[in-house]
N, C-alpha and C. Protein backbone atom coordinates (compact mmCIF):
# COMPACT_ATOMS: atom_id res chain seq x y z
N MET A 1 -34.47 -14.46 -64.98
CA MET A 1 -35.57 -13.71 -64.37
C MET A 1 -35.44 -12.26 -64.76
N SER A 2 -36.52 -11.64 -65.14
CA SER A 2 -36.48 -10.23 -65.56
C SER A 2 -36.98 -9.35 -64.43
N TYR A 3 -36.46 -8.14 -64.39
CA TYR A 3 -36.86 -7.16 -63.38
C TYR A 3 -37.34 -5.92 -64.09
N ASN A 4 -38.27 -5.21 -63.44
CA ASN A 4 -38.66 -3.93 -64.02
C ASN A 4 -37.62 -2.89 -63.62
N LEU A 5 -37.75 -1.73 -64.18
CA LEU A 5 -36.72 -0.70 -63.97
C LEU A 5 -36.57 -0.32 -62.50
N GLU A 6 -37.68 -0.24 -61.79
CA GLU A 6 -37.63 0.15 -60.37
C GLU A 6 -36.90 -0.90 -59.55
N GLU A 7 -37.21 -2.16 -59.81
CA GLU A 7 -36.55 -3.24 -59.10
C GLU A 7 -35.06 -3.28 -59.42
N GLN A 8 -34.74 -3.07 -60.71
CA GLN A 8 -33.33 -3.07 -61.11
C GLN A 8 -32.57 -1.94 -60.43
N ASP A 9 -33.23 -0.81 -60.28
CA ASP A 9 -32.60 0.34 -59.63
C ASP A 9 -32.31 0.03 -58.17
N GLN A 10 -33.25 -0.64 -57.52
CA GLN A 10 -33.06 -1.01 -56.12
C GLN A 10 -31.90 -2.00 -55.97
N ILE A 11 -31.85 -2.94 -56.92
CA ILE A 11 -30.77 -3.93 -56.89
C ILE A 11 -29.42 -3.25 -57.08
N ASP A 12 -29.37 -2.32 -58.02
CA ASP A 12 -28.11 -1.61 -58.26
C ASP A 12 -27.70 -0.81 -57.03
N THR A 13 -28.68 -0.18 -56.38
CA THR A 13 -28.40 0.62 -55.18
C THR A 13 -27.85 -0.28 -54.07
N LEU A 14 -28.48 -1.45 -53.94
CA LEU A 14 -28.04 -2.39 -52.92
C LEU A 14 -26.62 -2.88 -53.19
N ARG A 15 -26.36 -3.19 -54.48
CA ARG A 15 -25.01 -3.64 -54.85
C ARG A 15 -23.98 -2.56 -54.54
N ASP A 16 -24.33 -1.33 -54.87
CA ASP A 16 -23.41 -0.22 -54.62
C ASP A 16 -23.15 -0.04 -53.12
N PHE A 17 -24.24 -0.12 -52.36
CA PHE A 17 -24.11 0.01 -50.92
C PHE A 17 -23.23 -1.10 -50.34
N TRP A 18 -23.47 -2.34 -50.83
CA TRP A 18 -22.72 -3.47 -50.31
C TRP A 18 -21.25 -3.40 -50.71
N SER A 19 -20.99 -2.92 -51.92
CA SER A 19 -19.60 -2.80 -52.37
C SER A 19 -18.85 -1.77 -51.53
N ARG A 20 -19.59 -0.74 -51.08
CA ARG A 20 -18.95 0.30 -50.27
C ARG A 20 -18.79 -0.14 -48.81
N TRP A 21 -19.85 -0.76 -48.26
CA TRP A 21 -19.90 -0.99 -46.81
C TRP A 21 -19.97 -2.46 -46.41
N GLY A 22 -20.01 -3.34 -47.36
CA GLY A 22 -20.18 -4.76 -47.03
C GLY A 22 -19.07 -5.31 -46.15
N THR A 23 -17.82 -4.96 -46.48
CA THR A 23 -16.70 -5.47 -45.70
C THR A 23 -16.76 -4.98 -44.26
N LEU A 24 -17.07 -3.69 -44.11
CA LEU A 24 -17.16 -3.11 -42.77
C LEU A 24 -18.29 -3.77 -41.98
N ILE A 25 -19.45 -3.93 -42.60
CA ILE A 25 -20.59 -4.54 -41.92
C ILE A 25 -20.27 -5.97 -41.51
N SER A 26 -19.65 -6.71 -42.43
CA SER A 26 -19.27 -8.08 -42.11
C SER A 26 -18.30 -8.13 -40.94
N ALA A 27 -17.35 -7.17 -40.92
CA ALA A 27 -16.38 -7.12 -39.84
C ALA A 27 -17.07 -6.82 -38.50
N LEU A 28 -18.03 -5.87 -38.55
CA LEU A 28 -18.74 -5.52 -37.32
C LEU A 28 -19.57 -6.68 -36.81
N VAL A 29 -20.20 -7.38 -37.73
CA VAL A 29 -20.99 -8.56 -37.33
C VAL A 29 -20.07 -9.61 -36.71
N LEU A 30 -18.88 -9.79 -37.34
CA LEU A 30 -17.94 -10.76 -36.82
C LEU A 30 -17.46 -10.36 -35.44
N VAL A 31 -17.12 -9.07 -35.26
CA VAL A 31 -16.65 -8.58 -33.96
C VAL A 31 -17.73 -8.78 -32.90
N ALA A 32 -18.99 -8.43 -33.26
CA ALA A 32 -20.09 -8.59 -32.32
C ALA A 32 -20.25 -10.06 -31.94
N GLY A 33 -20.13 -10.94 -32.93
CA GLY A 33 -20.26 -12.37 -32.65
C GLY A 33 -19.15 -12.87 -31.75
N VAL A 34 -17.92 -12.43 -32.03
CA VAL A 34 -16.79 -12.84 -31.21
C VAL A 34 -16.93 -12.30 -29.79
N ALA A 35 -17.38 -11.02 -29.69
CA ALA A 35 -17.56 -10.41 -28.37
C ALA A 35 -18.59 -11.17 -27.56
N TRP A 36 -19.70 -11.52 -28.21
CA TRP A 36 -20.74 -12.27 -27.50
C TRP A 36 -20.24 -13.66 -27.09
N ALA A 37 -19.51 -14.28 -28.01
CA ALA A 37 -18.96 -15.60 -27.69
C ALA A 37 -17.97 -15.50 -26.52
N GLY A 38 -17.16 -14.42 -26.56
CA GLY A 38 -16.21 -14.22 -25.47
C GLY A 38 -16.90 -13.97 -24.15
N TYR A 39 -17.95 -13.15 -24.18
CA TYR A 39 -18.72 -12.86 -22.97
C TYR A 39 -19.33 -14.14 -22.40
N SER A 40 -19.97 -14.90 -23.28
CA SER A 40 -20.60 -16.15 -22.85
C SER A 40 -19.54 -17.13 -22.37
N GLY A 41 -18.42 -17.20 -23.09
CA GLY A 41 -17.35 -18.10 -22.70
C GLY A 41 -16.74 -17.73 -21.37
N TRP A 42 -16.59 -16.42 -21.12
CA TRP A 42 -16.02 -15.96 -19.85
C TRP A 42 -16.90 -16.37 -18.68
N HIS A 43 -18.21 -16.19 -18.85
CA HIS A 43 -19.12 -16.57 -17.77
C HIS A 43 -19.14 -18.09 -17.58
N TRP A 44 -19.07 -18.80 -18.69
CA TRP A 44 -19.01 -20.27 -18.59
C TRP A 44 -17.74 -20.69 -17.87
N TRP A 45 -16.61 -20.05 -18.23
CA TRP A 45 -15.33 -20.39 -17.61
C TRP A 45 -15.36 -20.06 -16.12
N GLN A 46 -15.93 -18.90 -15.77
CA GLN A 46 -16.02 -18.54 -14.35
C GLN A 46 -16.85 -19.56 -13.58
N ALA A 47 -17.99 -19.93 -14.14
CA ALA A 47 -18.87 -20.90 -13.48
C ALA A 47 -18.14 -22.24 -13.31
N ARG A 48 -17.40 -22.62 -14.35
CA ARG A 48 -16.66 -23.89 -14.29
C ARG A 48 -15.58 -23.83 -13.23
N GLN A 49 -14.85 -22.71 -13.17
CA GLN A 49 -13.80 -22.54 -12.17
C GLN A 49 -14.39 -22.61 -10.75
N ALA A 50 -15.52 -21.91 -10.57
CA ALA A 50 -16.15 -21.90 -9.25
C ALA A 50 -16.60 -23.31 -8.85
N ALA A 51 -17.15 -24.04 -9.81
CA ALA A 51 -17.61 -25.40 -9.52
C ALA A 51 -16.45 -26.30 -9.14
N GLN A 52 -15.33 -26.18 -9.86
CA GLN A 52 -14.18 -27.02 -9.57
C GLN A 52 -13.57 -26.65 -8.22
N ALA A 53 -13.49 -25.34 -7.93
CA ALA A 53 -12.95 -24.91 -6.64
C ALA A 53 -13.85 -25.37 -5.50
N SER A 54 -15.16 -25.29 -5.72
CA SER A 54 -16.11 -25.74 -4.70
C SER A 54 -15.95 -27.24 -4.43
N ALA A 55 -15.76 -28.01 -5.48
CA ALA A 55 -15.60 -29.45 -5.32
C ALA A 55 -14.33 -29.77 -4.52
N LEU A 56 -13.24 -29.04 -4.81
CA LEU A 56 -12.00 -29.27 -4.08
C LEU A 56 -12.14 -28.87 -2.61
N PHE A 57 -12.83 -27.75 -2.39
CA PHE A 57 -13.05 -27.31 -1.01
C PHE A 57 -13.87 -28.34 -0.24
N GLY A 58 -14.91 -28.86 -0.89
CA GLY A 58 -15.74 -29.88 -0.26
C GLY A 58 -14.93 -31.14 0.07
N GLN A 59 -14.09 -31.54 -0.88
CA GLN A 59 -13.24 -32.72 -0.66
C GLN A 59 -12.30 -32.49 0.52
N MET A 60 -11.70 -31.30 0.54
CA MET A 60 -10.74 -30.97 1.59
C MET A 60 -11.41 -30.97 2.96
N THR A 61 -12.57 -30.32 3.08
CA THR A 61 -13.24 -30.24 4.38
C THR A 61 -13.75 -31.61 4.84
N ARG A 62 -14.14 -32.46 3.90
CA ARG A 62 -14.56 -33.82 4.29
C ARG A 62 -13.38 -34.59 4.90
N GLU A 63 -12.22 -34.45 4.27
CA GLU A 63 -11.04 -35.15 4.79
C GLU A 63 -10.62 -34.57 6.15
N ILE A 64 -10.75 -33.25 6.29
CA ILE A 64 -10.43 -32.64 7.59
C ILE A 64 -11.40 -33.16 8.65
N GLY A 65 -12.68 -33.22 8.29
CA GLY A 65 -13.68 -33.73 9.23
C GLY A 65 -13.40 -35.16 9.64
N ALA A 66 -12.77 -35.91 8.76
CA ALA A 66 -12.43 -37.31 9.06
C ALA A 66 -11.05 -37.43 9.70
N SER A 67 -10.47 -36.27 10.07
CA SER A 67 -9.13 -36.23 10.69
C SER A 67 -8.08 -36.88 9.80
N ASN A 68 -8.21 -36.65 8.49
CA ASN A 68 -7.28 -37.25 7.54
C ASN A 68 -6.54 -36.15 6.79
N LEU A 69 -5.61 -35.51 7.48
CA LEU A 69 -4.88 -34.39 6.89
C LEU A 69 -4.07 -34.78 5.65
N PRO A 70 -3.42 -35.96 5.63
CA PRO A 70 -2.67 -36.33 4.42
C PRO A 70 -3.54 -36.35 3.16
N ASN A 71 -4.80 -36.72 3.29
CA ASN A 71 -5.69 -36.72 2.13
C ASN A 71 -6.27 -35.34 1.84
N ALA A 72 -6.32 -34.49 2.84
CA ALA A 72 -6.82 -33.13 2.64
C ALA A 72 -5.77 -32.25 1.96
N ALA A 73 -4.51 -32.54 2.22
CA ALA A 73 -3.43 -31.69 1.71
C ALA A 73 -3.39 -31.58 0.18
N PRO A 74 -3.58 -32.67 -0.60
CA PRO A 74 -3.55 -32.52 -2.06
C PRO A 74 -4.66 -31.60 -2.59
N ALA A 75 -5.86 -31.69 -2.01
CA ALA A 75 -6.95 -30.81 -2.45
C ALA A 75 -6.61 -29.36 -2.14
N TRP A 76 -6.02 -29.13 -0.97
CA TRP A 76 -5.61 -27.78 -0.61
C TRP A 76 -4.52 -27.27 -1.55
N ALA A 77 -3.56 -28.12 -1.87
CA ALA A 77 -2.49 -27.72 -2.78
C ALA A 77 -3.05 -27.34 -4.15
N GLU A 78 -4.06 -28.07 -4.62
CA GLU A 78 -4.66 -27.76 -5.92
C GLU A 78 -5.44 -26.45 -5.86
N LEU A 79 -6.12 -26.20 -4.75
CA LEU A 79 -6.80 -24.92 -4.59
C LEU A 79 -5.79 -23.77 -4.66
N GLN A 80 -4.66 -23.93 -3.99
CA GLN A 80 -3.62 -22.91 -4.02
C GLN A 80 -3.08 -22.69 -5.43
N ALA A 81 -2.81 -23.79 -6.11
CA ALA A 81 -2.15 -23.71 -7.41
C ALA A 81 -3.04 -23.17 -8.51
N HIS A 82 -4.32 -23.54 -8.50
CA HIS A 82 -5.18 -23.23 -9.65
C HIS A 82 -6.34 -22.28 -9.35
N TYR A 83 -6.65 -22.08 -8.09
CA TYR A 83 -7.82 -21.26 -7.76
C TYR A 83 -7.49 -20.27 -6.63
N ALA A 84 -6.30 -19.71 -6.68
CA ALA A 84 -5.83 -18.85 -5.59
C ALA A 84 -6.73 -17.64 -5.35
N ASP A 85 -7.38 -17.13 -6.41
CA ASP A 85 -8.23 -15.96 -6.28
C ASP A 85 -9.66 -16.30 -5.86
N SER A 86 -9.95 -17.58 -5.76
CA SER A 86 -11.30 -18.01 -5.43
C SER A 86 -11.57 -17.85 -3.93
N PRO A 87 -12.80 -17.49 -3.56
CA PRO A 87 -13.16 -17.47 -2.14
C PRO A 87 -12.97 -18.84 -1.49
N TYR A 88 -13.08 -19.91 -2.28
CA TYR A 88 -12.91 -21.25 -1.73
C TYR A 88 -11.47 -21.48 -1.27
N ALA A 89 -10.51 -20.85 -1.96
CA ALA A 89 -9.12 -20.96 -1.53
C ALA A 89 -8.90 -20.21 -0.22
N GLN A 90 -9.57 -19.08 -0.08
CA GLN A 90 -9.43 -18.30 1.16
C GLN A 90 -10.07 -19.03 2.34
N MET A 91 -11.28 -19.56 2.12
CA MET A 91 -11.93 -20.33 3.16
C MET A 91 -11.14 -21.60 3.46
N GLY A 92 -10.61 -22.20 2.39
CA GLY A 92 -9.82 -23.41 2.55
C GLY A 92 -8.57 -23.16 3.37
N GLY A 93 -7.95 -22.00 3.15
CA GLY A 93 -6.75 -21.67 3.92
C GLY A 93 -7.03 -21.59 5.41
N LEU A 94 -8.13 -20.94 5.77
CA LEU A 94 -8.48 -20.83 7.19
C LEU A 94 -8.79 -22.21 7.78
N ALA A 95 -9.52 -23.02 7.01
CA ALA A 95 -9.88 -24.36 7.50
C ALA A 95 -8.65 -25.25 7.63
N MET A 96 -7.77 -25.17 6.63
CA MET A 96 -6.57 -26.02 6.64
C MET A 96 -5.63 -25.60 7.77
N ALA A 97 -5.51 -24.30 7.99
CA ALA A 97 -4.64 -23.80 9.07
C ALA A 97 -5.14 -24.28 10.43
N LYS A 98 -6.45 -24.21 10.64
CA LYS A 98 -7.01 -24.68 11.90
C LYS A 98 -6.76 -26.18 12.08
N ALA A 99 -6.92 -26.92 10.99
CA ALA A 99 -6.70 -28.37 11.06
C ALA A 99 -5.25 -28.68 11.44
N TYR A 100 -4.32 -27.95 10.82
CA TYR A 100 -2.90 -28.15 11.14
C TYR A 100 -2.63 -27.78 12.60
N ASP A 101 -3.19 -26.65 13.05
CA ASP A 101 -2.96 -26.21 14.43
C ASP A 101 -3.55 -27.22 15.41
N ASP A 102 -4.76 -27.69 15.13
CA ASP A 102 -5.39 -28.68 16.00
C ASP A 102 -4.58 -29.98 16.05
N ALA A 103 -3.88 -30.27 14.96
CA ALA A 103 -3.08 -31.50 14.89
C ALA A 103 -1.68 -31.32 15.48
N GLY A 104 -1.43 -30.15 16.07
CA GLY A 104 -0.13 -29.90 16.67
C GLY A 104 0.96 -29.61 15.66
N LYS A 105 0.58 -28.99 14.54
CA LYS A 105 1.54 -28.63 13.50
C LYS A 105 1.49 -27.12 13.25
N PRO A 106 1.97 -26.33 14.23
CA PRO A 106 1.85 -24.87 14.11
C PRO A 106 2.62 -24.26 12.95
N SER A 107 3.78 -24.84 12.60
CA SER A 107 4.55 -24.25 11.51
C SER A 107 3.81 -24.37 10.19
N GLU A 108 3.14 -25.52 9.97
CA GLU A 108 2.33 -25.68 8.76
C GLU A 108 1.15 -24.72 8.77
N ALA A 109 0.54 -24.56 9.94
CA ALA A 109 -0.58 -23.63 10.05
C ALA A 109 -0.15 -22.20 9.75
N GLN A 110 1.02 -21.81 10.25
CA GLN A 110 1.53 -20.47 10.00
C GLN A 110 1.77 -20.23 8.51
N ALA A 111 2.34 -21.22 7.84
CA ALA A 111 2.60 -21.09 6.40
C ALA A 111 1.31 -20.91 5.62
N VAL A 112 0.29 -21.67 5.98
CA VAL A 112 -1.00 -21.57 5.29
C VAL A 112 -1.64 -20.21 5.54
N LEU A 113 -1.56 -19.73 6.77
CA LEU A 113 -2.16 -18.44 7.10
C LEU A 113 -1.43 -17.29 6.42
N ARG A 114 -0.12 -17.39 6.30
CA ARG A 114 0.63 -16.34 5.59
C ARG A 114 0.20 -16.31 4.12
N TRP A 115 0.07 -17.49 3.53
CA TRP A 115 -0.37 -17.56 2.13
C TRP A 115 -1.77 -16.97 2.00
N THR A 116 -2.66 -17.31 2.90
CA THR A 116 -4.04 -16.83 2.83
C THR A 116 -4.10 -15.31 2.99
N ALA A 117 -3.33 -14.77 3.92
CA ALA A 117 -3.32 -13.33 4.13
C ALA A 117 -2.79 -12.60 2.89
N GLU A 118 -1.83 -13.22 2.21
CA GLU A 118 -1.24 -12.60 1.03
C GLU A 118 -2.17 -12.64 -0.18
N HIS A 119 -2.94 -13.72 -0.32
CA HIS A 119 -3.75 -13.92 -1.51
C HIS A 119 -5.22 -13.55 -1.34
N ALA A 120 -5.66 -13.33 -0.11
CA ALA A 120 -7.08 -13.09 0.13
C ALA A 120 -7.57 -11.84 -0.59
N GLN A 121 -8.63 -11.98 -1.36
CA GLN A 121 -9.27 -10.84 -2.01
C GLN A 121 -10.20 -10.13 -1.02
N SER A 122 -10.74 -10.87 -0.10
CA SER A 122 -11.66 -10.34 0.90
C SER A 122 -10.90 -9.80 2.12
N GLN A 123 -11.24 -8.59 2.54
CA GLN A 123 -10.59 -8.03 3.73
C GLN A 123 -10.92 -8.84 4.97
N SER A 124 -12.12 -9.41 5.02
CA SER A 124 -12.52 -10.22 6.18
C SER A 124 -11.64 -11.46 6.29
N TYR A 125 -11.41 -12.16 5.17
CA TYR A 125 -10.57 -13.34 5.20
C TYR A 125 -9.12 -12.98 5.54
N ARG A 126 -8.67 -11.85 5.01
CA ARG A 126 -7.29 -11.43 5.30
C ARG A 126 -7.14 -11.10 6.77
N ALA A 127 -8.13 -10.40 7.33
CA ALA A 127 -8.09 -10.07 8.75
C ALA A 127 -8.09 -11.33 9.61
N ALA A 128 -8.96 -12.28 9.25
CA ALA A 128 -9.03 -13.52 10.02
C ALA A 128 -7.70 -14.28 9.95
N ALA A 129 -7.09 -14.31 8.77
CA ALA A 129 -5.81 -15.00 8.62
C ALA A 129 -4.72 -14.35 9.47
N LEU A 130 -4.66 -13.03 9.46
CA LEU A 130 -3.63 -12.33 10.22
C LEU A 130 -3.83 -12.46 11.73
N LEU A 131 -5.07 -12.37 12.18
CA LEU A 131 -5.35 -12.51 13.61
C LEU A 131 -5.04 -13.93 14.08
N ASN A 132 -5.43 -14.93 13.28
CA ASN A 132 -5.12 -16.31 13.64
C ASN A 132 -3.62 -16.57 13.62
N LEU A 133 -2.94 -15.98 12.64
CA LEU A 133 -1.49 -16.13 12.56
C LEU A 133 -0.83 -15.56 13.81
N SER A 134 -1.26 -14.38 14.23
CA SER A 134 -0.66 -13.78 15.42
C SER A 134 -0.94 -14.62 16.66
N ALA A 135 -2.12 -15.22 16.74
CA ALA A 135 -2.46 -16.06 17.90
C ALA A 135 -1.54 -17.27 17.98
N ILE A 136 -1.29 -17.91 16.83
CA ILE A 136 -0.41 -19.08 16.81
C ILE A 136 1.02 -18.68 17.18
N GLU A 137 1.44 -17.52 16.70
CA GLU A 137 2.80 -17.07 17.01
C GLU A 137 2.94 -16.67 18.47
N VAL A 138 1.87 -16.16 19.07
CA VAL A 138 1.88 -15.90 20.52
C VAL A 138 2.06 -17.21 21.27
N ASP A 139 1.31 -18.23 20.88
CA ASP A 139 1.43 -19.54 21.52
C ASP A 139 2.85 -20.10 21.39
N ALA A 140 3.49 -19.78 20.25
CA ALA A 140 4.85 -20.27 20.01
C ALA A 140 5.90 -19.37 20.66
N LYS A 141 5.45 -18.35 21.42
CA LYS A 141 6.33 -17.39 22.09
C LYS A 141 7.12 -16.54 21.09
N ALA A 142 6.65 -16.48 19.85
CA ALA A 142 7.30 -15.64 18.83
C ALA A 142 6.60 -14.28 18.83
N LEU A 143 6.81 -13.52 19.90
CA LEU A 143 6.04 -12.29 20.09
C LEU A 143 6.35 -11.20 19.04
N PRO A 144 7.61 -10.98 18.66
CA PRO A 144 7.84 -9.98 17.60
C PRO A 144 7.12 -10.33 16.30
N ALA A 145 7.13 -11.61 15.93
CA ALA A 145 6.44 -12.03 14.71
C ALA A 145 4.93 -11.86 14.87
N ALA A 146 4.42 -12.18 16.06
CA ALA A 146 2.99 -12.03 16.33
C ALA A 146 2.58 -10.56 16.21
N LEU A 147 3.43 -9.69 16.70
CA LEU A 147 3.15 -8.25 16.63
C LEU A 147 3.18 -7.76 15.19
N GLN A 148 4.14 -8.24 14.42
CA GLN A 148 4.26 -7.83 13.02
C GLN A 148 3.01 -8.20 12.23
N ALA A 149 2.41 -9.35 12.54
CA ALA A 149 1.24 -9.81 11.80
C ALA A 149 0.05 -8.87 11.94
N VAL A 150 -0.02 -8.15 13.06
CA VAL A 150 -1.20 -7.30 13.31
C VAL A 150 -0.84 -5.82 13.35
N GLN A 151 0.29 -5.47 12.76
CA GLN A 151 0.67 -4.05 12.75
C GLN A 151 -0.29 -3.21 11.92
N GLN A 152 -0.81 -3.78 10.85
CA GLN A 152 -1.66 -3.03 9.93
C GLN A 152 -2.98 -3.75 9.70
N SER A 153 -4.07 -3.11 10.09
CA SER A 153 -5.40 -3.69 9.85
C SER A 153 -5.74 -3.55 8.37
N PRO A 154 -6.37 -4.58 7.77
CA PRO A 154 -6.72 -4.49 6.35
C PRO A 154 -7.89 -3.57 6.05
N SER A 155 -8.61 -3.15 7.10
CA SER A 155 -9.79 -2.31 6.90
C SER A 155 -10.14 -1.64 8.22
N PRO A 156 -10.69 -0.41 8.19
CA PRO A 156 -11.11 0.24 9.44
C PRO A 156 -12.07 -0.61 10.26
N ALA A 157 -12.81 -1.49 9.62
CA ALA A 157 -13.76 -2.34 10.34
C ALA A 157 -13.06 -3.25 11.35
N PHE A 158 -11.76 -3.50 11.13
CA PHE A 158 -11.02 -4.41 12.00
C PHE A 158 -9.99 -3.69 12.86
N ASP A 159 -10.00 -2.35 12.84
CA ASP A 159 -9.00 -1.59 13.59
C ASP A 159 -9.01 -1.93 15.08
N ALA A 160 -10.21 -2.04 15.67
CA ALA A 160 -10.29 -2.30 17.11
C ALA A 160 -9.72 -3.67 17.47
N LEU A 161 -10.04 -4.68 16.66
CA LEU A 161 -9.52 -6.03 16.93
C LEU A 161 -8.00 -6.07 16.81
N PHE A 162 -7.47 -5.41 15.79
CA PHE A 162 -6.02 -5.43 15.59
C PHE A 162 -5.31 -4.64 16.69
N ALA A 163 -5.89 -3.50 17.08
CA ALA A 163 -5.28 -2.71 18.15
C ALA A 163 -5.31 -3.48 19.47
N THR A 164 -6.42 -4.16 19.73
CA THR A 164 -6.52 -4.97 20.96
C THR A 164 -5.46 -6.06 20.97
N ARG A 165 -5.29 -6.75 19.84
CA ARG A 165 -4.28 -7.80 19.78
C ARG A 165 -2.88 -7.22 20.00
N ARG A 166 -2.61 -6.06 19.42
CA ARG A 166 -1.30 -5.42 19.65
C ARG A 166 -1.12 -5.13 21.14
N GLY A 167 -2.19 -4.64 21.78
CA GLY A 167 -2.11 -4.37 23.21
C GLY A 167 -1.80 -5.62 24.01
N ASP A 168 -2.45 -6.74 23.63
CA ASP A 168 -2.20 -8.01 24.33
C ASP A 168 -0.74 -8.42 24.19
N ILE A 169 -0.20 -8.25 22.99
CA ILE A 169 1.19 -8.68 22.74
C ILE A 169 2.17 -7.77 23.47
N TYR A 170 1.91 -6.46 23.41
CA TYR A 170 2.78 -5.54 24.15
C TYR A 170 2.75 -5.84 25.64
N ALA A 171 1.57 -6.19 26.16
CA ALA A 171 1.45 -6.53 27.58
C ALA A 171 2.28 -7.76 27.90
N LEU A 172 2.25 -8.77 27.04
CA LEU A 172 3.06 -9.98 27.24
C LEU A 172 4.55 -9.67 27.17
N MET A 173 4.91 -8.65 26.39
CA MET A 173 6.31 -8.26 26.26
C MET A 173 6.76 -7.34 27.39
N GLY A 174 5.82 -7.00 28.28
CA GLY A 174 6.14 -6.13 29.41
C GLY A 174 6.21 -4.66 29.05
N GLN A 175 5.71 -4.29 27.87
CA GLN A 175 5.74 -2.89 27.43
C GLN A 175 4.38 -2.25 27.72
N ARG A 176 4.18 -1.87 28.99
CA ARG A 176 2.87 -1.41 29.44
C ARG A 176 2.42 -0.12 28.75
N ASP A 177 3.34 0.79 28.49
CA ASP A 177 2.96 2.05 27.85
C ASP A 177 2.43 1.82 26.43
N LYS A 178 3.11 0.95 25.71
CA LYS A 178 2.66 0.64 24.35
C LYS A 178 1.36 -0.15 24.38
N ALA A 179 1.22 -1.02 25.38
CA ALA A 179 -0.03 -1.76 25.52
C ALA A 179 -1.18 -0.80 25.81
N ARG A 180 -0.93 0.15 26.71
CA ARG A 180 -1.96 1.13 27.04
C ARG A 180 -2.38 1.93 25.81
N GLN A 181 -1.41 2.35 25.02
CA GLN A 181 -1.72 3.12 23.82
C GLN A 181 -2.53 2.29 22.83
N ALA A 182 -2.17 1.03 22.68
CA ALA A 182 -2.90 0.16 21.75
C ALA A 182 -4.34 -0.04 22.20
N TYR A 183 -4.55 -0.26 23.50
CA TYR A 183 -5.91 -0.44 24.00
C TYR A 183 -6.72 0.85 23.85
N GLU A 184 -6.07 1.99 24.06
CA GLU A 184 -6.77 3.27 23.87
C GLU A 184 -7.15 3.45 22.40
N ASP A 185 -6.27 3.04 21.50
CA ASP A 185 -6.59 3.10 20.07
C ASP A 185 -7.79 2.21 19.76
N ALA A 186 -7.85 1.05 20.41
CA ALA A 186 -8.98 0.15 20.20
C ALA A 186 -10.27 0.79 20.69
N MET A 187 -10.21 1.43 21.83
CA MET A 187 -11.41 2.09 22.38
C MET A 187 -11.90 3.19 21.45
N LYS A 188 -10.97 3.93 20.86
CA LYS A 188 -11.35 5.01 19.94
C LYS A 188 -12.01 4.47 18.68
N ALA A 189 -11.61 3.27 18.29
CA ALA A 189 -12.14 2.68 17.06
C ALA A 189 -13.50 2.02 17.26
N LEU A 190 -13.90 1.81 18.52
CA LEU A 190 -15.15 1.12 18.81
C LEU A 190 -16.31 2.10 18.96
N PRO A 191 -17.50 1.76 18.49
CA PRO A 191 -18.68 2.58 18.73
C PRO A 191 -18.97 2.65 20.23
N PRO A 192 -19.59 3.74 20.71
CA PRO A 192 -19.85 3.90 22.14
C PRO A 192 -20.67 2.77 22.76
N ASN A 193 -21.55 2.16 21.96
CA ASN A 193 -22.43 1.12 22.50
C ASN A 193 -21.95 -0.29 22.23
N ALA A 194 -20.72 -0.45 21.77
CA ALA A 194 -20.20 -1.78 21.45
C ALA A 194 -19.94 -2.56 22.74
N GLY A 195 -20.47 -3.78 22.80
CA GLY A 195 -20.25 -4.61 23.98
C GLY A 195 -18.78 -4.96 24.19
N TYR A 196 -18.02 -4.99 23.11
CA TYR A 196 -16.59 -5.33 23.17
C TYR A 196 -15.80 -4.30 23.97
N ARG A 197 -16.35 -3.09 24.13
CA ARG A 197 -15.65 -2.03 24.87
C ARG A 197 -15.35 -2.46 26.31
N GLN A 198 -16.27 -3.21 26.91
CA GLN A 198 -16.07 -3.61 28.31
C GLN A 198 -14.82 -4.46 28.46
N LEU A 199 -14.63 -5.39 27.53
CA LEU A 199 -13.44 -6.24 27.59
C LEU A 199 -12.17 -5.42 27.38
N VAL A 200 -12.22 -4.51 26.40
CA VAL A 200 -11.03 -3.69 26.13
C VAL A 200 -10.74 -2.79 27.32
N GLN A 201 -11.78 -2.26 27.95
CA GLN A 201 -11.57 -1.41 29.12
C GLN A 201 -10.90 -2.18 30.26
N LEU A 202 -11.31 -3.42 30.45
CA LEU A 202 -10.67 -4.25 31.46
C LEU A 202 -9.19 -4.44 31.16
N LYS A 203 -8.87 -4.69 29.89
CA LYS A 203 -7.47 -4.84 29.49
C LYS A 203 -6.72 -3.53 29.72
N LEU A 204 -7.37 -2.42 29.40
CA LEU A 204 -6.75 -1.11 29.57
C LEU A 204 -6.51 -0.84 31.05
N ASP A 205 -7.47 -1.16 31.89
CA ASP A 205 -7.30 -0.97 33.34
C ASP A 205 -6.14 -1.79 33.87
N SER A 206 -5.92 -2.98 33.27
CA SER A 206 -4.86 -3.86 33.76
C SER A 206 -3.47 -3.30 33.51
N VAL A 207 -3.36 -2.36 32.59
CA VAL A 207 -2.05 -1.73 32.33
C VAL A 207 -2.06 -0.28 32.78
N GLY A 208 -3.01 0.06 33.65
CA GLY A 208 -3.07 1.39 34.22
C GLY A 208 -3.60 2.45 33.28
N GLY A 209 -4.57 2.05 32.44
CA GLY A 209 -5.08 2.96 31.41
C GLY A 209 -6.14 3.93 31.89
N ARG A 210 -6.69 4.63 30.89
CA ARG A 210 -7.71 5.64 31.16
C ARG A 210 -8.97 5.30 30.39
N ALA A 211 -9.16 5.96 29.26
CA ALA A 211 -10.31 5.84 28.34
C ALA A 211 -11.65 5.77 29.06
N SER A 212 -12.44 4.68 28.81
CA SER A 212 -13.80 4.49 29.34
C SER A 212 -14.85 5.24 28.53
């Protein structure tokens, strides 16, 4: 095939350009392709992980609903082992702990709640795990351990609940001054119009408190 001079000049220019920049352009195209594949793959992997965790959570809760803890335990163990960062593992921990507690197995419930509090990404789930853990330990008369569980609130949103629980535990331990201080801390953390203030005030009055 023959070319005129103008066409040949364009071809030569293109060849020169490609010889200078072709490798770089090819590399950039490859990087862009890999990046897009990685992005798509990451989202696919996340969706797959969520679906698998959801299926395990569903299986676990069905077995709990059927009062079949031995069959629920393997699904819970797999959630722990492979999907610890998933919200389903956090929800599963709370559900499994309640099931164990309802079945009269407080030590198993405590272990699950400690794991959930340690691994929970959500402050709400962590707070729920710690408050439930302290409640079970109060029932077991393990008051120092119950107090330790609620020493530090995971978020200001839960400060009043944690302070109230500390007050309850101090009151059970006969430490009225510390109980009073904890209830006062709870009152300070609550909005003026919060209905929960009435309950805390009653607790505070029971240890000779002030606030209001």
